[in-house]
Amino acid sequence: MKISKTTALLLAALASSVAMADDPTWTAPTVDFSEAGATDDYGYTGSFVLDNIVYGPGSEAEHPATAGNNNYDGDTSAITAPTETTLDLESLPKYTVIGGNTRGTYNSDSTAVTAYRIYVQDYSAIVANNTRSTTTGFVDGDSYTKAIYGLSDPAGSIAAIQAAGSYTYNGVLITPSGDPGDFNYTITAAGSTLTGSGTASFTYAGVGTFNLTLASATLSTTDGLLGVTNGNVTVAELSGLTAKYDLGVYGDAAQEVAGNIHTWSVNYGLTDLPIIGKR
C-alpha cells in the first residue's frame, strides 16, 4: 500500500465534514458505497446486512447471491444483492463496531468474501471494507480503511491539550474478522510541542494475539488536520515485523483520535488496520 494514499485517508472528506471552530457540533456523513472510499481507487466491494437491509455498491449482476463461501466466521449462507447503496452514519449507534460477523460475496473470485466495519464517534468516524480470497489473500488490492471522517479544529485541539497537559484516548483497533482489538494513545504537551505514543493489541484468527507499540511521534498540522504521519510501530511477538501509523485529532477540543496502522514490513494478509478512540 502506498504511504501517500494512507496519509490521504486522514484528510478524506474534510470539505464536507469539517465544521467551523465556533460550532463544535458535527454530523456524521452519508456514505455512498457506489463511489470510491475517500481517495481509495478500488472503492467498496461486496455487501453486508444491517437491520435486515443489504447494503453495498453495484447490482445483482455484480453481487450475486452465492452460498458455500468459506467466510471469515464460517457462515456459508447466501447474501442477496444490495438494496441500498447509501448509509447515513449519523443514524448508527456510537462507539460500537457495526458490521459484526455479517459477510458478503464478491464475484471476481468464487472463494472471496467481504468484510465491512463501521465505527462512529461524536466527532469522527471510520468506514472499513475489503474483500478476501481464501486462496490468494486480499483481492481488492488496496486499503482496508476506506474513509476517515471528522471535525478538524487544530487550534482548538492544541489549546485544549496544552491546557490539560496531556490527554489519553481509549478505543478500538478494527480487524476484518473477529472481535475488535484494544487501542490506547496519549498526547502530551511540552510547551508548544505535542508528542504522542500508544499501544494496541488484536487477535489474528488462527494465528494468535499481537501487542503493538506506537512509538512516540511529534504532532503537526498538515492540510488543516492535527496529527501524526508515518509514526513507527513495532510488534512484541514478531521482532522483525514493523509498520507505520497515521493518526488525526478530531473535535473542537481534541476529544477524539482516528487513523490506521499500515505499511507492514512483512505481508501477513494485512493491508492496514483502523484505530479510533476518545478521551
Protein backbone atom coordinates (compact mmCIF):
# COMPACT_ATOMS: atom_id res chain seq x y z
CA MET A 1 0.00 0.00 0.00
CA LYS A 2 1.34 3.44 -0.89
CA ILE A 3 2.10 5.69 2.01
CA SER A 4 0.74 8.72 0.20
CA LYS A 5 -2.65 7.04 -0.14
CA THR A 6 -2.75 6.10 3.53
CA THR A 7 -1.84 9.63 4.54
CA ALA A 8 -4.55 10.98 2.27
CA LEU A 9 -7.14 8.89 4.08
CA LEU A 10 -6.66 11.06 7.16
CA LEU A 11 -7.70 14.08 5.10
CA ALA A 12 -10.73 12.44 3.49
CA ALA A 13 -13.92 14.41 3.16
CA LEU A 14 -12.72 17.44 5.12
CA ALA A 15 -14.68 19.73 2.82
CA SER A 16 -17.93 18.03 3.76
CA SER A 17 -17.28 17.09 7.36
CA VAL A 18 -15.24 19.89 8.95
CA ALA A 19 -17.33 22.40 10.91
CA MET A 20 -16.24 25.89 11.88
CA ALA A 21 -14.24 26.25 15.10
CA ASP A 22 -17.05 28.24 16.76
CA ASP A 23 -19.54 25.44 16.04
CA PRO A 24 -18.31 22.30 17.82
CA THR A 25 -21.17 20.11 16.65
CA TRP A 26 -20.53 17.52 13.97
CA THR A 27 -22.88 15.40 11.93
CA ALA A 28 -21.54 12.15 10.52
CA PRO A 29 -21.95 12.00 6.74
CA THR A 30 -23.85 9.62 4.50
CA VAL A 31 -21.60 7.06 2.81
CA ASP A 32 -22.26 6.18 -0.83
CA PHE A 33 -20.95 2.64 -1.37
CA SER A 34 -21.24 3.02 -5.13
CA GLU A 35 -18.39 5.56 -5.03
CA ALA A 36 -14.74 5.12 -4.19
CA GLY A 37 -13.94 5.25 -0.49
CA ALA A 38 -12.43 8.68 0.03
CA THR A 39 -9.20 8.56 -2.03
CA ASP A 40 -9.30 4.79 -2.31
CA ASP A 41 -9.09 3.90 -6.02
CA TYR A 42 -10.68 0.48 -5.62
CA GLY A 43 -13.82 1.64 -3.85
CA TYR A 44 -16.20 -0.57 -1.91
CA THR A 45 -16.76 -4.23 -2.72
CA GLY A 46 -19.26 -6.85 -1.67
CA SER A 47 -22.26 -6.37 0.57
CA PHE A 48 -23.32 -6.58 4.20
CA VAL A 49 -26.55 -6.88 6.16
CA LEU A 50 -27.68 -4.37 8.78
CA ASP A 51 -31.17 -4.48 10.32
CA ASN A 52 -32.29 -6.87 7.58
CA ILE A 53 -31.24 -4.44 4.84
CA VAL A 54 -28.48 -5.39 2.40
CA TYR A 55 -26.02 -2.53 1.81
CA GLY A 56 -23.29 -2.28 -0.80
CA PRO A 57 -22.44 -1.00 -4.27
CA GLY A 58 -23.49 -2.27 -7.66
CA SER A 59 -26.23 -4.53 -8.86
CA GLU A 60 -27.27 -8.13 -8.51
CA ALA A 61 -25.09 -8.98 -11.51
CA GLU A 62 -22.04 -7.68 -9.64
CA HIS A 63 -23.02 -9.22 -6.32
CA PRO A 64 -24.83 -12.49 -6.95
CA ALA A 65 -26.24 -14.49 -4.07
CA THR A 66 -23.66 -17.21 -3.58
CA ALA A 67 -23.90 -19.94 -0.97
CA GLY A 68 -21.00 -22.08 0.13
CA ASN A 69 -18.26 -19.47 0.50
CA ASN A 70 -15.73 -20.04 3.24
CA ASN A 71 -16.49 -16.83 5.11
CA TYR A 72 -14.38 -15.40 7.93
CA ASP A 73 -16.77 -16.69 10.55
CA GLY A 74 -17.67 -19.95 8.81
CA ASP A 75 -21.07 -18.71 7.68
CA THR A 76 -21.88 -20.34 4.34
CA SER A 77 -25.28 -18.74 3.81
CA ALA A 78 -26.04 -16.71 0.70
CA ILE A 79 -26.11 -12.91 0.78
CA THR A 80 -28.52 -11.28 -1.66
CA ALA A 81 -27.70 -8.29 -3.84
CA PRO A 82 -27.66 -4.85 -2.18
CA THR A 83 -30.94 -2.98 -1.99
CA GLU A 84 -29.37 0.17 -0.52
CA THR A 85 -26.19 1.86 -1.77
CA THR A 86 -26.04 4.62 0.86
CA LEU A 87 -25.94 4.62 4.66
CA ASP A 88 -26.40 7.58 7.00
CA LEU A 89 -23.63 7.18 9.58
CA GLU A 90 -25.40 9.58 11.93
CA SER A 91 -28.21 7.05 12.28
CA LEU A 92 -25.89 4.38 13.71
CA PRO A 93 -25.20 3.74 17.40
CA LYS A 94 -21.97 5.37 18.50
CA TYR A 95 -18.89 3.75 19.99
CA THR A 96 -19.94 0.38 18.58
CA VAL A 97 -18.34 -1.65 15.80
CA ILE A 98 -21.06 -2.02 13.18
CA GLY A 99 -20.77 -4.98 10.83
CA GLY A 100 -20.11 -7.71 13.34
CA ASN A 101 -19.96 -11.06 11.61
CA THR A 102 -22.05 -10.07 8.60
CA ARG A 103 -20.42 -11.12 5.36
CA GLY A 104 -20.99 -10.62 1.68
CA THR A 105 -19.82 -12.04 -1.63
CA TYR A 106 -17.65 -10.65 -4.39
CA ASN A 107 -17.81 -12.43 -7.72
CA SER A 108 -14.28 -11.84 -9.02
CA ASP A 109 -13.25 -14.92 -7.04
CA SER A 110 -15.52 -17.82 -6.20
CA THR A 111 -13.88 -18.12 -2.77
CA ALA A 112 -13.80 -14.40 -1.99
CA VAL A 113 -15.70 -12.92 0.94
CA THR A 114 -16.20 -9.35 2.07
CA ALA A 115 -15.89 -7.61 5.43
CA TYR A 116 -17.40 -4.26 6.33
CA ARG A 117 -16.72 -2.45 9.62
CA ILE A 118 -18.04 0.98 10.65
CA TYR A 119 -17.32 2.91 13.83
CA VAL A 120 -18.88 6.28 14.67
CA GLN A 121 -17.93 8.63 17.49
CA ASP A 122 -19.21 12.11 18.40
CA TYR A 123 -16.58 13.88 16.28
CA SER A 124 -15.17 11.24 13.95
CA ALA A 125 -15.96 8.03 12.10
CA ILE A 126 -14.21 5.25 10.21
CA VAL A 127 -15.53 3.05 7.41
CA ALA A 128 -13.53 -0.09 6.59
CA ASN A 129 -14.08 -2.66 3.85
CA ASN A 130 -12.09 -5.26 2.00
CA THR A 131 -12.50 -8.44 0.03
CA ARG A 132 -10.51 -11.53 0.90
CA SER A 133 -9.84 -14.64 -1.11
CA THR A 134 -9.33 -17.77 0.95
CA THR A 135 -6.62 -18.80 -1.50
CA THR A 136 -4.83 -15.60 -2.52
CA GLY A 137 -5.45 -13.09 0.27
CA PHE A 138 -6.98 -9.70 -0.30
CA VAL A 139 -8.23 -9.39 -3.85
CA ASP A 140 -9.26 -5.75 -3.91
CA GLY A 141 -5.57 -4.87 -3.70
CA ASP A 142 -5.94 -1.79 -1.58
CA SER A 143 -6.53 -0.43 1.90
CA TYR A 144 -8.99 -1.76 4.46
CA THR A 145 -9.55 1.75 5.83
CA LYS A 146 -11.78 3.19 3.16
CA ALA A 147 -12.61 6.55 4.77
CA ILE A 148 -11.98 8.61 7.90
CA TYR A 149 -14.37 11.49 8.59
CA GLY A 150 -14.33 14.06 11.34
CA LEU A 151 -14.41 17.57 12.74
CA SER A 152 -10.94 19.10 12.48
CA ASP A 153 -10.01 22.07 14.67
CA PRO A 154 -6.22 22.21 15.11
CA ALA A 155 -6.18 25.50 17.03
CA GLY A 156 -8.86 24.41 19.47
CA SER A 157 -7.29 20.99 19.92
CA ILE A 158 -3.79 22.34 20.53
CA ALA A 159 -5.11 24.82 23.10
CA ALA A 160 -7.06 22.09 24.89
CA ILE A 161 -4.09 19.71 25.07
CA GLN A 162 -1.75 22.46 26.28
CA ALA A 163 -4.22 23.49 28.97
CA ALA A 164 -4.69 19.92 30.19
CA GLY A 165 -1.04 18.90 29.86
CA SER A 166 -1.99 15.53 28.38
CA TYR A 167 -4.93 13.51 27.15
CA THR A 168 -5.27 9.73 26.99
CA TYR A 169 -7.55 8.14 24.43
CA ASN A 170 -9.09 4.68 24.68
CA GLY A 171 -10.77 2.87 21.83
CA VAL A 172 -10.54 0.00 19.40
CA LEU A 173 -8.36 -1.45 16.70
CA ILE A 174 -10.66 -2.77 13.98
CA THR A 175 -9.86 -6.04 12.23
CA PRO A 176 -11.62 -7.68 9.25
CA SER A 177 -12.54 -10.68 11.37
CA GLY A 178 -13.28 -11.48 14.98
CA ASP A 179 -13.71 -9.05 17.84
CA PRO A 180 -12.09 -5.60 17.76
CA GLY A 181 -8.76 -5.17 19.48
CA ASP A 182 -7.72 -2.58 22.05
CA PHE A 183 -6.20 0.82 21.29
CA ASN A 184 -4.77 3.40 23.70
CA TYR A 185 -2.93 6.62 22.91
CA THR A 186 -1.61 9.54 24.98
CA ILE A 187 -0.82 13.01 23.70
CA THR A 188 1.37 15.21 25.91
CA ALA A 189 2.18 18.91 25.67
CA ALA A 190 5.62 20.28 26.48
CA GLY A 191 5.39 23.97 25.71
CA SER A 192 4.40 24.31 22.08
CA THR A 193 5.46 20.74 21.23
CA LEU A 194 2.89 17.94 21.24
CA THR A 195 4.02 14.31 21.24
CA GLY A 196 2.00 11.11 21.21
CA SER A 197 2.55 7.41 21.77
CA GLY A 198 0.41 4.39 22.47
CA THR A 199 -0.31 0.69 22.35
CA ALA A 200 -2.70 -1.62 20.57
CA SER A 201 -3.45 -5.32 20.55
CA PHE A 202 -5.52 -7.67 18.42
CA THR A 203 -6.10 -11.34 17.76
CA TYR A 204 -5.44 -12.56 14.24
CA ALA A 205 -7.73 -15.51 13.60
CA GLY A 206 -5.87 -18.78 13.53
CA VAL A 207 -2.53 -17.15 14.32
CA GLY A 208 -2.55 -15.55 17.76
CA THR A 209 -2.65 -12.31 19.75
CA PHE A 210 -0.29 -9.48 18.91
CA ASN A 211 0.75 -6.50 21.02
CA LEU A 212 1.78 -3.34 19.21
CA THR A 213 3.71 -0.29 20.35
CA LEU A 214 3.04 3.01 18.60
CA ALA A 215 6.28 4.88 19.11
CA SER A 216 6.50 8.46 20.31
CA ALA A 217 5.99 10.95 17.48
CA THR A 218 5.59 14.70 17.19
CA LEU A 219 2.20 16.01 16.15
CA SER A 220 1.93 18.64 13.46
CA THR A 221 -0.81 20.28 11.41
CA THR A 222 -0.94 19.31 7.75
CA ASP A 223 -3.65 20.46 5.37
CA GLY A 224 -5.86 21.50 8.23
CA LEU A 225 -5.53 18.35 10.33
CA LEU A 226 -3.52 17.96 13.54
CA GLY A 227 -1.90 14.55 13.85
CA VAL A 228 0.92 12.11 13.23
CA THR A 229 2.06 10.84 9.85
CA ASN A 230 4.16 7.69 9.48
CA GLY A 231 4.87 7.08 13.14
CA ASN A 232 6.74 3.85 13.87
CA VAL A 233 5.06 0.64 15.03
CA THR A 234 6.69 -2.49 16.46
CA VAL A 235 5.17 -5.85 17.34
CA ALA A 236 6.29 -7.56 20.55
CA GLU A 237 5.67 -11.11 19.32
CA LEU A 238 7.46 -10.66 15.98
CA SER A 239 10.71 -8.72 16.27
CA GLY A 240 11.13 -8.49 12.50
CA LEU A 241 7.66 -7.10 11.86
CA THR A 242 7.28 -3.32 11.76
CA ALA A 243 4.66 -0.91 10.45
CA LYS A 244 3.73 2.76 10.35
CA TYR A 245 0.77 4.64 11.81
CA ASP A 246 -1.16 7.76 10.88
CA LEU A 247 -3.41 9.43 13.43
CA GLY A 248 -5.59 12.54 13.29
CA VAL A 249 -7.01 14.55 16.20
CA TYR A 250 -10.72 15.35 15.95
CA GLY A 251 -13.18 17.57 17.80
CA ASP A 252 -13.04 21.26 18.74
CA ALA A 253 -11.02 20.39 21.87
CA ALA A 254 -9.13 17.21 20.92
CA GLN A 255 -11.93 14.94 22.08
CA GLU A 256 -11.07 12.05 19.72
CA VAL A 257 -8.43 10.47 17.52
CA ALA A 258 -8.71 8.26 14.44
CA GLY A 259 -6.29 6.77 11.95
CA ASN A 260 -4.72 3.49 10.91
CA ILE A 261 -1.69 1.22 11.14
CA HIS A 262 -0.23 0.49 7.73
CA THR A 263 2.82 -0.36 5.59
CA TRP A 264 3.70 -3.66 7.25
CA SER A 265 7.26 -4.82 6.62
CA VAL A 266 6.02 -8.37 6.07
CA ASN A 267 2.65 -9.12 4.47
CA TYR A 268 0.65 -11.45 6.70
CA GLY A 269 -2.51 -10.79 4.72
CA LEU A 270 -2.88 -7.36 6.35
CA THR A 271 -3.18 -4.14 4.40
CA ASP A 272 -3.94 -1.76 7.23
CA LEU A 273 -5.89 -1.71 10.49
CA PRO A 274 -8.07 1.23 11.61
CA ILE A 275 -7.59 2.70 15.08
CA ILE A 276 -10.07 5.07 16.73
CA GLY A 277 -10.76 6.30 20.26
CA LYS A 278 -11.96 9.05 22.58
CA ARG A 279 -10.59 10.67 25.72
